């Protein structure tokens, strides 16, 4: 059975939560805010660039010139499931 989180989020599914003036948590609005699966990654502005860390591949750091470009990566890649684990350890 497929769940709503089995497909990549669309642009309208993405929410940015400001953690500071230069840091954002990227969330999937289709999941409850209290659900760990809602967190897709983080964006941090450094040296006038936006660094993206995705939960699906936390060791891969991707850099963009704009916040909009950084946000868009969460809708473009990894056509499979966003999260494959059932539990956080």
N, C-alpha and C. Protein backbone atom coordinates (compact mmCIF):
# COMPACT_ATOMS: atom_id res chain seq x y z
N UNK A 1 0.83 -1.17 0.00
CA UNK A 1 0.00 0.00 0.00
C UNK A 1 0.89 1.25 0.00
N UNK A 2 0.61 2.18 -0.86
CA UNK A 2 1.38 3.42 -0.96
C UNK A 2 0.82 4.45 0.01
N UNK A 3 1.71 5.18 0.63
CA UNK A 3 1.29 6.28 1.49
C UNK A 3 1.62 7.59 0.81
N UNK A 4 1.11 8.66 1.33
CA UNK A 4 1.35 9.96 0.70
C UNK A 4 2.82 10.36 0.73
N UNK A 5 3.63 9.76 1.60
CA UNK A 5 5.04 10.09 1.67
C UNK A 5 5.90 9.20 0.78
N UNK A 6 5.28 8.29 0.02
CA UNK A 6 6.03 7.43 -0.88
C UNK A 6 6.47 8.15 -2.14
N UNK A 7 5.91 9.31 -2.42
CA UNK A 7 6.32 10.06 -3.60
C UNK A 7 7.02 11.34 -3.16
N UNK A 8 7.85 11.87 -4.06
CA UNK A 8 8.55 13.11 -3.76
C UNK A 8 7.56 14.24 -3.57
N UNK A 9 7.85 15.16 -2.69
CA UNK A 9 6.95 16.29 -2.48
C UNK A 9 6.96 17.23 -3.68
N UNK A 10 5.85 17.87 -3.88
CA UNK A 10 5.76 18.94 -4.89
C UNK A 10 6.19 20.23 -4.21
N UNK A 11 6.39 21.27 -5.00
CA UNK A 11 6.80 22.57 -4.44
C UNK A 11 5.82 23.06 -3.39
N UNK A 12 4.53 22.79 -3.59
CA UNK A 12 3.52 23.24 -2.63
C UNK A 12 3.53 22.42 -1.35
N UNK A 13 4.21 21.27 -1.34
CA UNK A 13 4.30 20.42 -0.16
C UNK A 13 5.45 20.83 0.77
N UNK A 14 6.33 21.69 0.29
CA UNK A 14 7.53 22.06 1.03
C UNK A 14 7.27 23.28 1.92
N UNK A 15 7.71 23.18 3.17
CA UNK A 15 7.61 24.30 4.11
C UNK A 15 9.02 24.57 4.66
N UNK A 16 9.40 25.83 4.72
CA UNK A 16 10.67 26.21 5.33
C UNK A 16 10.39 26.82 6.70
N UNK A 17 10.98 26.24 7.72
CA UNK A 17 10.87 26.77 9.08
C UNK A 17 12.16 27.51 9.40
N UNK A 18 12.08 28.80 9.62
CA UNK A 18 13.28 29.59 9.95
C UNK A 18 13.77 29.21 11.33
N UNK A 19 15.01 28.79 11.42
CA UNK A 19 15.65 28.48 12.70
C UNK A 19 16.47 29.67 13.18
N UNK A 20 16.93 30.46 12.22
CA UNK A 20 17.66 31.70 12.51
C UNK A 20 17.58 32.54 11.24
N UNK A 21 18.30 33.63 11.21
CA UNK A 21 18.28 34.48 10.01
C UNK A 21 18.99 33.83 8.83
N UNK A 22 19.78 32.79 9.11
CA UNK A 22 20.56 32.13 8.04
C UNK A 22 20.35 30.62 7.96
N UNK A 23 19.39 30.07 8.71
CA UNK A 23 19.18 28.62 8.74
C UNK A 23 17.69 28.28 8.65
N UNK A 24 17.38 27.26 7.87
CA UNK A 24 16.01 26.81 7.70
C UNK A 24 15.92 25.30 7.79
N UNK A 25 14.87 24.81 8.41
CA UNK A 25 14.54 23.37 8.39
C UNK A 25 13.54 23.20 7.25
N UNK A 26 13.78 22.21 6.40
CA UNK A 26 12.89 21.94 5.26
C UNK A 26 11.96 20.81 5.65
N UNK A 27 10.65 21.06 5.57
CA UNK A 27 9.67 20.08 6.02
C UNK A 27 8.66 19.77 4.92
N UNK A 28 8.12 18.57 5.00
CA UNK A 28 7.06 18.12 4.10
C UNK A 28 5.74 18.36 4.82
N UNK A 29 4.92 19.26 4.28
CA UNK A 29 3.66 19.62 4.91
C UNK A 29 2.64 18.48 4.91
N UNK A 30 2.89 17.42 4.15
CA UNK A 30 1.94 16.30 4.11
C UNK A 30 2.01 15.46 5.38
N UNK A 31 3.09 15.56 6.12
CA UNK A 31 3.24 14.83 7.38
C UNK A 31 2.99 15.80 8.53
N UNK A 32 2.56 15.26 9.67
CA UNK A 32 2.35 16.09 10.85
C UNK A 32 3.68 16.71 11.27
N UNK A 33 3.63 17.93 11.74
CA UNK A 33 4.84 18.64 12.16
C UNK A 33 5.57 17.88 13.27
N UNK A 34 4.86 17.12 14.07
CA UNK A 34 5.48 16.35 15.16
C UNK A 34 6.10 15.04 14.69
N UNK A 35 5.88 14.67 13.43
CA UNK A 35 6.39 13.42 12.86
C UNK A 35 7.81 13.64 12.34
N UNK A 36 8.76 12.81 12.75
CA UNK A 36 10.14 12.98 12.28
C UNK A 36 10.25 12.85 10.76
N UNK A 37 9.31 12.17 10.13
CA UNK A 37 9.34 12.03 8.67
C UNK A 37 9.03 13.33 7.95
N UNK A 38 8.54 14.33 8.66
CA UNK A 38 8.25 15.61 8.02
C UNK A 38 9.54 16.38 7.69
N UNK A 39 10.63 16.09 8.39
CA UNK A 39 11.89 16.81 8.17
C UNK A 39 12.62 16.19 6.97
N UNK A 40 12.78 17.01 5.92
CA UNK A 40 13.46 16.56 4.71
C UNK A 40 14.93 16.95 4.70
N UNK A 41 15.27 18.00 5.43
CA UNK A 41 16.65 18.45 5.46
C UNK A 41 16.78 19.85 6.01
N UNK A 42 17.93 20.46 5.71
CA UNK A 42 18.24 21.78 6.23
C UNK A 42 18.93 22.61 5.17
N UNK A 43 18.73 23.92 5.25
CA UNK A 43 19.40 24.88 4.37
C UNK A 43 20.09 25.89 5.26
N UNK A 44 21.34 26.19 4.94
CA UNK A 44 22.09 27.19 5.70
C UNK A 44 22.77 28.15 4.73
N UNK A 45 22.62 29.44 4.98
CA UNK A 45 23.28 30.45 4.15
C UNK A 45 24.68 30.70 4.72
N UNK A 46 25.68 30.52 3.84
CA UNK A 46 27.07 30.77 4.21
C UNK A 46 27.77 31.45 3.05
N UNK A 47 28.47 32.51 3.34
CA UNK A 47 29.23 33.22 2.31
C UNK A 47 28.38 33.52 1.07
N UNK A 48 27.17 33.97 1.30
CA UNK A 48 26.24 34.36 0.24
C UNK A 48 25.79 33.21 -0.65
N UNK A 49 25.98 31.96 -0.19
CA UNK A 49 25.49 30.77 -0.87
C UNK A 49 24.63 29.98 0.09
N UNK A 50 23.83 29.08 -0.46
CA UNK A 50 22.91 28.28 0.34
C UNK A 50 23.33 26.82 0.30
N UNK A 51 23.71 26.29 1.46
CA UNK A 51 24.16 24.90 1.57
C UNK A 51 22.98 24.04 1.99
N UNK A 52 22.78 22.93 1.27
CA UNK A 52 21.66 22.03 1.52
C UNK A 52 22.17 20.71 2.05
N UNK A 53 21.56 20.25 3.11
CA UNK A 53 21.78 18.91 3.64
C UNK A 53 20.43 18.20 3.61
N UNK A 54 20.35 17.10 2.85
CA UNK A 54 19.11 16.33 2.75
C UNK A 54 19.17 15.12 3.66
N UNK A 55 18.08 14.82 4.34
CA UNK A 55 18.02 13.66 5.22
C UNK A 55 18.21 12.36 4.44
N UNK A 56 17.82 12.35 3.16
CA UNK A 56 17.96 11.15 2.34
C UNK A 56 19.41 10.87 1.99
N UNK A 57 20.28 11.88 2.06
CA UNK A 57 21.72 11.69 1.81
C UNK A 57 22.50 12.74 2.58
N UNK A 58 22.57 12.59 3.90
CA UNK A 58 23.15 13.64 4.76
C UNK A 58 24.64 13.91 4.52
N UNK A 59 25.35 12.98 3.92
CA UNK A 59 26.78 13.22 3.68
C UNK A 59 27.04 14.02 2.41
N UNK A 60 26.01 14.23 1.59
CA UNK A 60 26.15 15.00 0.35
C UNK A 60 25.73 16.44 0.58
N UNK A 61 26.68 17.35 0.55
CA UNK A 61 26.40 18.77 0.70
C UNK A 61 26.27 19.38 -0.69
N UNK A 62 25.18 20.09 -0.93
CA UNK A 62 24.93 20.72 -2.23
C UNK A 62 24.81 22.22 -2.00
N UNK A 63 25.40 23.02 -2.90
CA UNK A 63 25.43 24.47 -2.73
C UNK A 63 24.71 25.15 -3.89
N UNK A 64 23.90 26.17 -3.55
CA UNK A 64 23.13 26.92 -4.54
C UNK A 64 23.34 28.41 -4.35
N UNK A 65 22.98 29.16 -5.40
CA UNK A 65 23.11 30.62 -5.35
C UNK A 65 21.90 31.31 -4.75
N UNK A 66 20.75 30.62 -4.68
CA UNK A 66 19.55 31.25 -4.13
C UNK A 66 18.79 30.28 -3.23
N UNK A 67 17.99 30.85 -2.36
CA UNK A 67 17.17 30.04 -1.47
C UNK A 67 16.13 29.25 -2.26
N UNK A 68 15.57 29.85 -3.31
CA UNK A 68 14.59 29.14 -4.14
C UNK A 68 15.19 27.92 -4.81
N UNK A 69 16.42 28.04 -5.32
CA UNK A 69 17.09 26.89 -5.92
C UNK A 69 17.34 25.80 -4.88
N UNK A 70 17.78 26.21 -3.71
CA UNK A 70 18.05 25.26 -2.63
C UNK A 70 16.78 24.52 -2.23
N UNK A 71 15.69 25.23 -2.15
CA UNK A 71 14.40 24.64 -1.78
C UNK A 71 13.93 23.64 -2.84
N UNK A 72 14.16 23.98 -4.09
CA UNK A 72 13.69 23.16 -5.21
C UNK A 72 14.34 21.76 -5.26
N UNK A 73 15.55 21.62 -4.73
CA UNK A 73 16.22 20.31 -4.79
C UNK A 73 15.41 19.22 -4.09
N UNK A 74 14.61 19.61 -3.13
CA UNK A 74 13.82 18.63 -2.40
C UNK A 74 12.67 18.06 -3.23
N UNK A 75 12.40 18.65 -4.38
CA UNK A 75 11.35 18.15 -5.26
C UNK A 75 11.91 17.47 -6.50
N UNK A 76 13.20 17.58 -6.76
CA UNK A 76 13.77 17.13 -8.03
C UNK A 76 14.41 15.75 -8.01
N UNK A 77 15.07 15.40 -6.93
CA UNK A 77 15.90 14.20 -6.93
C UNK A 77 15.31 13.07 -6.10
N UNK A 78 15.94 11.91 -6.22
CA UNK A 78 15.55 10.74 -5.45
C UNK A 78 14.07 10.42 -5.65
N UNK A 79 13.72 10.01 -6.85
CA UNK A 79 12.32 9.76 -7.20
C UNK A 79 11.66 8.71 -6.31
N UNK A 80 12.45 7.95 -5.60
CA UNK A 80 11.88 6.95 -4.70
C UNK A 80 11.40 7.58 -3.41
N UNK A 81 11.29 6.76 -2.40
CA UNK A 81 10.82 7.25 -1.11
C UNK A 81 11.76 8.28 -0.53
N UNK A 82 11.21 9.21 0.19
CA UNK A 82 12.00 10.24 0.85
C UNK A 82 12.76 9.63 2.02
N UNK A 83 12.08 8.84 2.83
CA UNK A 83 12.68 8.19 3.99
C UNK A 83 12.48 6.69 3.84
N UNK A 84 13.54 5.94 4.06
CA UNK A 84 13.40 4.49 3.94
C UNK A 84 13.37 3.82 5.31
N UNK A 85 13.84 4.48 6.33
CA UNK A 85 13.82 3.89 7.66
C UNK A 85 12.50 4.09 8.37
N UNK A 86 12.15 3.14 9.21
CA UNK A 86 10.90 3.25 9.96
C UNK A 86 11.13 3.85 11.34
N UNK A 87 12.37 3.76 11.82
CA UNK A 87 12.64 4.22 13.16
C UNK A 87 13.88 5.11 13.16
N UNK A 88 13.90 6.05 14.07
CA UNK A 88 15.09 6.88 14.26
C UNK A 88 15.86 6.31 15.44
N UNK A 89 17.14 6.09 15.22
CA UNK A 89 17.97 5.49 16.28
C UNK A 89 18.88 6.54 16.84
